[in-house]
């Protein structure tokens, strides 16, 4: 599993292209920030399933698999739990390395509950 963590207030789709380059996968589970035409076109070319919570402005809604949407929801709940930690929510770490380390530490605490 590969993660690309973006520092501070960067737009989420900036990190998608390097994250998926050379990687094979069957589906993309994402939130509204990733509801972008180029991402959806890329997934269709790869034959990957798409489960993206869609923006209300989308003219033609995508068909979404209900089971995949359940998985996406579980992941979204995990991120909500991560945001309970102020340092994660505020993105106060100055480097990608320290931010990644803090996410790992918080994930361990959440898993131990």
C-alpha atoms as a PDB file:
ATOM      1  CA  UNK A   1       0.000   0.000   0.000  1.00  0.00           C
ATOM      2  CA  UNK A   2       1.341   3.442  -0.929  1.00  0.00           C
ATOM      3  CA  UNK A   3       0.343   6.752   0.594  1.00  0.00           C
ATOM      4  CA  UNK A   4       1.095  10.225  -0.612  1.00  0.00           C
ATOM      5  CA  UNK A   5       0.544  12.787   2.086  1.00  0.00           C
ATOM      6  CA  UNK A   6       0.119  16.357   1.029  1.00  0.00           C
ATOM      7  CA  UNK A   7       1.268  19.086   3.409  1.00  0.00           C
ATOM      8  CA  UNK A   8      -1.016  21.853   4.531  1.00  0.00           C
ATOM      9  CA  UNK A   9      -3.761  23.163   2.337  1.00  0.00           C
ATOM     10  CA  UNK A  10      -3.118  21.583  -1.072  1.00  0.00           C
ATOM     11  CA  UNK A  11      -5.916  20.510  -3.385  1.00  0.00           C
ATOM     12  CA  UNK A  12      -6.427  16.741  -3.085  1.00  0.00           C
ATOM     13  CA  UNK A  13      -6.324  15.863  -6.792  1.00  0.00           C
ATOM     14  CA  UNK A  14      -2.732  17.162  -7.078  1.00  0.00           C
ATOM     15  CA  UNK A  15      -1.424  13.949  -5.502  1.00  0.00           C
ATOM     16  CA  UNK A  16      -3.531  11.454  -7.472  1.00  0.00           C
ATOM     17  CA  UNK A  17      -1.436  11.162 -10.646  1.00  0.00           C
ATOM     18  CA  UNK A  18       1.843  10.265  -8.853  1.00  0.00           C
ATOM     19  CA  UNK A  19      -0.027   7.958  -6.496  1.00  0.00           C
ATOM     20  CA  UNK A  20      -1.607   5.796  -9.215  1.00  0.00           C
ATOM     21  CA  UNK A  21       1.266   5.899 -11.752  1.00  0.00           C
ATOM     22  CA  UNK A  22       2.415   2.347 -12.465  1.00  0.00           C
ATOM     23  CA  UNK A  23      -0.008   0.871  -9.935  1.00  0.00           C
ATOM     24  CA  UNK A  24      -2.622  -1.786 -10.708  1.00  0.00           C
ATOM     25  CA  UNK A  25      -5.878  -1.821  -8.745  1.00  0.00           C
ATOM     26  CA  UNK A  26      -9.495  -2.852  -9.221  1.00  0.00           C
ATOM     27  CA  UNK A  27     -11.340   0.135  -7.756  1.00  0.00           C
ATOM     28  CA  UNK A  28     -10.985   3.701  -6.538  1.00  0.00           C
ATOM     29  CA  UNK A  29     -12.854   4.619  -3.349  1.00  0.00           C
ATOM     30  CA  UNK A  30     -12.847   8.373  -2.813  1.00  0.00           C
ATOM     31  CA  UNK A  31     -14.765  11.379  -1.539  1.00  0.00           C
ATOM     32  CA  UNK A  32     -16.146  14.412  -3.393  1.00  0.00           C
ATOM     33  CA  UNK A  33     -12.740  16.059  -3.678  1.00  0.00           C
ATOM     34  CA  UNK A  34     -11.790  13.372  -6.229  1.00  0.00           C
ATOM     35  CA  UNK A  35     -14.916  13.769  -8.380  1.00  0.00           C
ATOM     36  CA  UNK A  36     -12.918  15.026 -11.346  1.00  0.00           C
ATOM     37  CA  UNK A  37     -13.473  14.150 -15.001  1.00  0.00           C
ATOM     38  CA  UNK A  38      -9.814  13.300 -15.657  1.00  0.00           C
ATOM     39  CA  UNK A  39      -9.723  10.888 -12.699  1.00  0.00           C
ATOM     40  CA  UNK A  40     -12.925   9.172 -13.810  1.00  0.00           C
ATOM     41  CA  UNK A  41     -11.650   8.929 -17.411  1.00  0.00           C
ATOM     42  CA  UNK A  42      -8.387   7.411 -16.141  1.00  0.00           C
ATOM     43  CA  UNK A  43     -10.283   4.816 -14.076  1.00  0.00           C
ATOM     44  CA  UNK A  44     -12.484   3.918 -17.056  1.00  0.00           C
ATOM     45  CA  UNK A  45      -9.390   3.428 -19.254  1.00  0.00           C
ATOM     46  CA  UNK A  46      -7.895   1.113 -16.623  1.00  0.00           C
ATOM     47  CA  UNK A  47     -11.163  -0.788 -16.172  1.00  0.00           C
ATOM     48  CA  UNK A  48     -11.193   0.039 -12.454  1.00  0.00           C
ATOM     49  CA  UNK A  49     -14.420   0.369 -10.512  1.00  0.00           C
ATOM     50  CA  UNK A  50     -15.328   3.846  -9.341  1.00  0.00           C
ATOM     51  CA  UNK A  51     -16.903   4.663  -5.996  1.00  0.00           C
ATOM     52  CA  UNK A  52     -16.749   8.407  -5.531  1.00  0.00           C
ATOM     53  CA  UNK A  53     -19.150  10.447  -3.440  1.00  0.00           C
ATOM     54  CA  UNK A  54     -20.297  12.793  -6.181  1.00  0.00           C
ATOM     55  CA  UNK A  55     -20.587  16.549  -6.241  1.00  0.00           C
ATOM     56  CA  UNK A  56     -24.130  17.859  -6.660  1.00  0.00           C
ATOM     57  CA  UNK A  57     -23.014  19.813  -9.767  1.00  0.00           C
ATOM     58  CA  UNK A  58     -22.304  16.592 -11.725  1.00  0.00           C
ATOM     59  CA  UNK A  59     -24.548  16.611 -14.808  1.00  0.00           C
ATOM     60  CA  UNK A  60     -24.546  12.833 -15.337  1.00  0.00           C
ATOM     61  CA  UNK A  61     -24.346  10.878 -12.061  1.00  0.00           C
ATOM     62  CA  UNK A  62     -22.108   7.815 -11.988  1.00  0.00           C
ATOM     63  CA  UNK A  63     -23.514   4.398 -11.172  1.00  0.00           C
ATOM     64  CA  UNK A  64     -22.031   3.197  -7.892  1.00  0.00           C
ATOM     65  CA  UNK A  65     -21.832  -0.326  -6.474  1.00  0.00           C
ATOM     66  CA  UNK A  66     -23.578  -0.403  -3.073  1.00  0.00           C
ATOM     67  CA  UNK A  67     -21.024  -2.765  -1.513  1.00  0.00           C
ATOM     68  CA  UNK A  68     -18.124  -0.581  -2.584  1.00  0.00           C
ATOM     69  CA  UNK A  69     -19.904   2.457  -1.191  1.00  0.00           C
ATOM     70  CA  UNK A  70     -20.106   0.676   2.183  1.00  0.00           C
ATOM     71  CA  UNK A  71     -16.305   0.196   2.118  1.00  0.00           C
ATOM     72  CA  UNK A  72     -15.825   3.856   1.232  1.00  0.00           C
ATOM     73  CA  UNK A  73     -18.032   4.814   4.167  1.00  0.00           C
ATOM     74  CA  UNK A  74     -15.923   2.713   6.581  1.00  0.00           C
ATOM     75  CA  UNK A  75     -12.767   4.444   5.365  1.00  0.00           C
ATOM     76  CA  UNK A  76     -14.437   7.857   5.722  1.00  0.00           C
ATOM     77  CA  UNK A  77     -15.356   6.981   9.331  1.00  0.00           C
ATOM     78  CA  UNK A  78     -11.709   6.126  10.030  1.00  0.00           C
ATOM     79  CA  UNK A  79     -10.613   9.541   8.745  1.00  0.00           C
ATOM     80  CA  UNK A  80     -13.216  11.166  10.992  1.00  0.00           C
ATOM     81  CA  UNK A  81     -11.651   9.355  13.947  1.00  0.00           C
ATOM     82  CA  UNK A  82      -8.206  10.574  12.845  1.00  0.00           C
ATOM     83  CA  UNK A  83      -9.464  14.161  12.881  1.00  0.00           C
ATOM     84  CA  UNK A  84     -10.267  13.816  16.594  1.00  0.00           C
ATOM     85  CA  UNK A  85      -6.546  14.357  17.084  1.00  0.00           C
ATOM     86  CA  UNK A  86      -6.000  18.114  16.943  1.00  0.00           C
ATOM     87  CA  UNK A  87      -2.533  17.880  15.407  1.00  0.00           C
ATOM     88  CA  UNK A  88      -3.919  15.863  12.465  1.00  0.00           C
ATOM     89  CA  UNK A  89      -6.998  18.062  12.033  1.00  0.00           C
ATOM     90  CA  UNK A  90      -4.946  21.269  12.020  1.00  0.00           C
ATOM     91  CA  UNK A  91      -2.172  19.783   9.815  1.00  0.00           C
ATOM     92  CA  UNK A  92       0.339  21.490  12.054  1.00  0.00           C
ATOM     93  CA  UNK A  93       3.297  19.303  11.042  1.00  0.00           C
ATOM     94  CA  UNK A  94       5.753  21.095   8.799  1.00  0.00           C
ATOM     95  CA  UNK A  95       7.117  18.101   6.879  1.00  0.00           C
ATOM     96  CA  UNK A  96       5.537  15.157   5.094  1.00  0.00           C
ATOM     97  CA  UNK A  97       7.613  12.760   7.190  1.00  0.00           C
ATOM     98  CA  UNK A  98       6.417  14.090  10.543  1.00  0.00           C
ATOM     99  CA  UNK A  99       2.798  14.212   9.289  1.00  0.00           C
ATOM    100  CA  UNK A 100       3.017  10.573   8.131  1.00  0.00           C
ATOM    101  CA  UNK A 101       4.535   9.546  11.474  1.00  0.00           C
ATOM    102  CA  UNK A 102       1.727  11.287  13.369  1.00  0.00           C
ATOM    103  CA  UNK A 103      -0.915   9.566  11.247  1.00  0.00           C
ATOM    104  CA  UNK A 104       0.712   6.194  11.975  1.00  0.00           C
ATOM    105  CA  UNK A 105       0.819   6.911  15.710  1.00  0.00           C
ATOM    106  CA  UNK A 106      -2.827   8.058  15.791  1.00  0.00           C
ATOM    107  CA  UNK A 107      -3.914   5.044  13.726  1.00  0.00           C
ATOM    108  CA  UNK A 108      -2.220   2.765  16.274  1.00  0.00           C
ATOM    109  CA  UNK A 109      -4.103   4.485  19.099  1.00  0.00           C
ATOM    110  CA  UNK A 110      -7.422   4.170  17.244  1.00  0.00           C
ATOM    111  CA  UNK A 111      -6.731   0.488  16.535  1.00  0.00           C
ATOM    112  CA  UNK A 112      -5.980  -0.189  20.218  1.00  0.00           C
ATOM    113  CA  UNK A 113      -9.327   1.213  21.425  1.00  0.00           C
END
